[in-house]
């Protein structure tokens, strides 16, 4: 739908809303301070609508501005990304916009692997949904279980994957340097 199509629908919509409320042009003019002739020209499409005209009309009718202009509904917010398989891991992108902070749901199959720590620019946050995730970060070698999170600067040599005891499902947020996620994890043993 083009802008011209949206604007062409405003006049008939204004007339319909006014008539549904059984309001005359004179009464609407009095409530809005807009002349009867201007209101008539708006409804007939002879005058282009502007915010200065539509805001008082929306207020007088007690309707959202979107209803007057027939704004299209907001798009479906669900992300329907196709899974990507890389190096045996399945990734589901959870963000649509490229660049900036990226979110992924990841399924790592059960397998024994020798850690190969790597470094790169950025910051990463991991949250285990199910299973056990082995995380090697610098000198640390830890296992995260469901409900646990880890965050780290990716310039530190790191690796994460299956413990070999079963598959692990986790969320990964990755962003350029400086975009850190701070999460308070519950203390171990709780």
Protein backbone atom coordinates (compact mmCIF):
# COMPACT_ATOMS: atom_id res chain seq x y z
CA UNK A 1 0.00 0.00 0.00
CA UNK A 2 1.46 3.36 -1.03
CA UNK A 3 1.33 6.62 0.90
CA UNK A 4 -1.17 7.98 -1.65
CA UNK A 5 -3.45 4.98 -1.01
CA UNK A 6 -3.30 5.57 2.74
CA UNK A 7 -4.02 9.29 2.33
CA UNK A 8 -6.92 8.61 -0.07
CA UNK A 9 -8.58 6.43 2.59
CA UNK A 10 -8.44 9.05 5.34
CA UNK A 11 -11.36 11.20 4.11
CA UNK A 12 -13.93 8.39 3.87
CA UNK A 13 -12.73 7.03 7.23
CA UNK A 14 -13.18 10.47 8.86
CA UNK A 15 -16.72 10.70 7.46
CA UNK A 16 -17.59 7.16 8.61
CA UNK A 17 -16.30 7.72 12.15
CA UNK A 18 -18.12 11.06 12.45
CA UNK A 19 -21.42 9.57 11.19
CA UNK A 20 -21.11 6.51 13.45
CA UNK A 21 -20.89 8.92 16.38
CA UNK A 22 -23.81 10.96 15.01
CA UNK A 23 -21.75 14.17 15.09
CA UNK A 24 -22.42 17.01 12.65
CA UNK A 25 -19.65 18.90 10.87
CA UNK A 26 -20.65 21.97 12.88
CA UNK A 27 -20.34 20.13 16.20
CA UNK A 28 -16.98 18.67 15.18
CA UNK A 29 -15.82 22.12 14.10
CA UNK A 30 -16.74 23.51 17.50
CA UNK A 31 -14.95 20.66 19.32
CA UNK A 32 -11.75 20.90 17.24
CA UNK A 33 -11.49 24.55 16.24
CA UNK A 34 -11.24 23.46 12.57
CA UNK A 35 -13.60 25.22 10.17
CA UNK A 36 -16.60 23.34 8.73
CA UNK A 37 -15.29 23.91 5.19
CA UNK A 38 -11.87 22.43 6.06
CA UNK A 39 -13.52 19.40 7.70
CA UNK A 40 -15.76 18.93 4.66
CA UNK A 41 -12.81 19.15 2.27
CA UNK A 42 -10.85 16.62 4.41
CA UNK A 43 -13.76 14.16 4.30
CA UNK A 44 -14.23 14.56 0.53
CA UNK A 45 -10.49 14.18 -0.18
CA UNK A 46 -10.09 17.72 -1.51
CA UNK A 47 -7.66 18.56 1.29
CA UNK A 48 -4.68 16.43 2.32
CA UNK A 49 -4.72 15.44 5.97
CA UNK A 50 -1.98 16.74 8.26
CA UNK A 51 -1.10 16.07 11.88
CA UNK A 52 -2.33 19.55 12.82
CA UNK A 53 -5.78 18.59 11.52
CA UNK A 54 -5.91 14.91 12.47
CA UNK A 55 -4.75 15.20 16.09
CA UNK A 56 -7.69 17.41 17.25
CA UNK A 57 -10.14 15.20 15.31
CA UNK A 58 -8.75 12.04 16.93
CA UNK A 59 -9.00 13.72 20.33
CA UNK A 60 -12.59 14.86 19.71
CA UNK A 61 -13.65 11.35 18.63
CA UNK A 62 -11.49 9.77 21.37
CA UNK A 63 -9.85 7.35 18.93
CA UNK A 64 -6.18 6.61 18.27
CA UNK A 65 -4.63 8.47 15.37
CA UNK A 66 -3.92 5.08 13.74
CA UNK A 67 -7.66 4.52 13.41
CA UNK A 68 -8.10 7.76 11.48
CA UNK A 69 -5.31 7.07 9.02
CA UNK A 70 -5.87 3.32 8.76
CA UNK A 71 -2.29 2.55 9.69
CA UNK A 72 -1.31 -0.96 8.69
CA UNK A 73 -1.03 -3.38 11.60
CA UNK A 74 2.39 -3.98 13.06
CA UNK A 75 4.09 -6.93 11.37
CA UNK A 76 4.24 -10.33 12.93
CA UNK A 77 6.98 -10.09 15.59
CA UNK A 78 7.81 -13.79 15.51
CA UNK A 79 11.22 -14.70 14.13
CA UNK A 80 10.92 -17.67 11.79
CA UNK A 81 14.52 -18.38 11.03
CA UNK A 82 15.65 -21.56 9.39
CA UNK A 83 18.16 -23.65 11.30
CA UNK A 84 21.79 -23.44 10.22
CA UNK A 85 24.10 -26.41 10.75
CA UNK A 86 27.78 -25.52 11.28
CA UNK A 87 30.46 -27.93 12.42
CA UNK A 88 27.79 -30.38 13.62
CA UNK A 89 25.94 -27.75 15.72
CA UNK A 90 22.46 -26.55 14.82
CA UNK A 91 21.91 -22.79 15.25
CA UNK A 92 18.54 -21.02 15.11
CA UNK A 93 19.00 -17.25 14.66
CA UNK A 94 16.69 -15.41 17.07
CA UNK A 95 17.43 -11.91 15.76
CA UNK A 96 16.53 -10.61 12.32
CA UNK A 97 18.73 -7.54 12.04
CA UNK A 98 22.33 -8.01 10.93
CA UNK A 99 25.07 -6.43 13.03
CA UNK A 100 24.88 -5.46 16.67
CA UNK A 101 23.76 -7.96 19.27
CA UNK A 102 22.91 -11.39 17.83
CA UNK A 103 20.94 -14.14 19.60
CA UNK A 104 20.96 -17.85 18.75
CA UNK A 105 19.41 -21.00 20.13
CA UNK A 106 22.00 -23.76 19.72
CA UNK A 107 21.77 -27.54 19.84
CA UNK A 108 25.07 -29.33 20.33
CA UNK A 109 24.82 -33.10 19.80
CA UNK A 110 26.37 -35.60 22.18
CA UNK A 111 29.98 -36.03 21.11
CA UNK A 112 33.47 -36.18 22.51
CA UNK A 113 35.66 -33.34 21.27
CA UNK A 114 39.07 -32.05 22.11
CA UNK A 115 38.71 -28.32 22.94
CA UNK A 116 40.33 -25.97 20.44
CA UNK A 117 40.16 -22.52 22.09
CA UNK A 118 39.93 -19.54 19.73
CA UNK A 119 39.81 -15.76 20.10
CA UNK A 120 38.02 -13.00 18.22
CA UNK A 121 36.56 -9.55 18.87
CA UNK A 122 33.30 -9.40 20.79
CA UNK A 123 31.52 -10.46 23.91
CA UNK A 124 29.44 -13.60 24.45
CA UNK A 125 26.77 -14.69 26.89
CA UNK A 126 25.60 -18.33 27.18
CA UNK A 127 22.54 -19.73 28.96
CA UNK A 128 21.98 -23.49 29.22
CA UNK A 129 18.40 -24.62 28.54
CA UNK A 130 19.01 -28.37 28.92
CA UNK A 131 21.93 -30.75 29.17
CA UNK A 132 25.48 -29.94 30.22
CA UNK A 133 27.73 -27.43 28.42
CA UNK A 134 31.49 -27.60 28.82
CA UNK A 135 33.11 -24.17 28.69
CA UNK A 136 36.86 -23.71 28.43
CA UNK A 137 37.85 -20.09 29.02
CA UNK A 138 41.52 -19.27 29.46
CA UNK A 139 42.69 -21.44 32.38
CA UNK A 140 39.13 -22.34 33.44
CA UNK A 141 37.36 -25.57 32.42
CA UNK A 142 33.78 -25.62 33.80
CA UNK A 143 30.51 -27.40 33.13
CA UNK A 144 27.28 -25.39 33.05
CA UNK A 145 23.94 -27.10 33.66
CA UNK A 146 20.34 -26.05 32.91
CA UNK A 147 19.62 -22.58 34.28
CA UNK A 148 23.27 -21.50 34.50
CA UNK A 149 24.82 -18.67 32.49
CA UNK A 150 28.31 -17.53 31.58
CA UNK A 151 29.60 -14.33 30.02
CA UNK A 152 33.04 -13.55 28.69
CA UNK A 153 35.19 -11.37 26.49
CA UNK A 154 35.85 -13.38 23.32
CA UNK A 155 39.41 -12.06 23.12
CA UNK A 156 40.15 -14.59 25.88
CA UNK A 157 40.86 -18.02 24.34
CA UNK A 158 37.57 -19.93 24.62
CA UNK A 159 35.74 -23.06 23.51
CA UNK A 160 32.38 -24.59 24.43
CA UNK A 161 30.63 -27.79 23.50
CA UNK A 162 29.17 -31.09 24.65
CA UNK A 163 30.55 -32.86 27.69
CA UNK A 164 30.08 -36.13 25.77
CA UNK A 165 27.34 -37.19 28.22
CA UNK A 166 24.42 -36.11 26.01
CA UNK A 167 23.20 -33.27 23.83
CA UNK A 168 23.07 -29.71 25.19
CA UNK A 169 20.70 -26.94 24.22
CA UNK A 170 21.66 -23.35 25.00
CA UNK A 171 21.12 -19.71 24.11
CA UNK A 172 24.02 -17.62 22.86
CA UNK A 173 24.08 -13.83 22.71
CA UNK A 174 27.01 -12.41 20.86
CA UNK A 175 27.81 -8.76 20.34
CA UNK A 176 30.61 -6.46 19.33
CA UNK A 177 33.02 -5.44 22.06
CA UNK A 178 31.31 -3.45 24.77
CA UNK A 179 27.81 -4.92 24.39
CA UNK A 180 27.75 -6.92 27.59
CA UNK A 181 24.85 -8.79 29.10
CA UNK A 182 24.93 -8.82 32.89
CA UNK A 183 23.07 -11.69 34.50
CA UNK A 184 23.06 -12.60 38.14
CA UNK A 185 23.35 -16.37 38.35
CA UNK A 186 22.17 -18.14 41.46
CA UNK A 187 25.00 -19.43 43.59
CA UNK A 188 25.96 -23.04 42.98
CA UNK A 189 24.32 -25.50 45.35
CA UNK A 190 20.98 -23.62 45.48
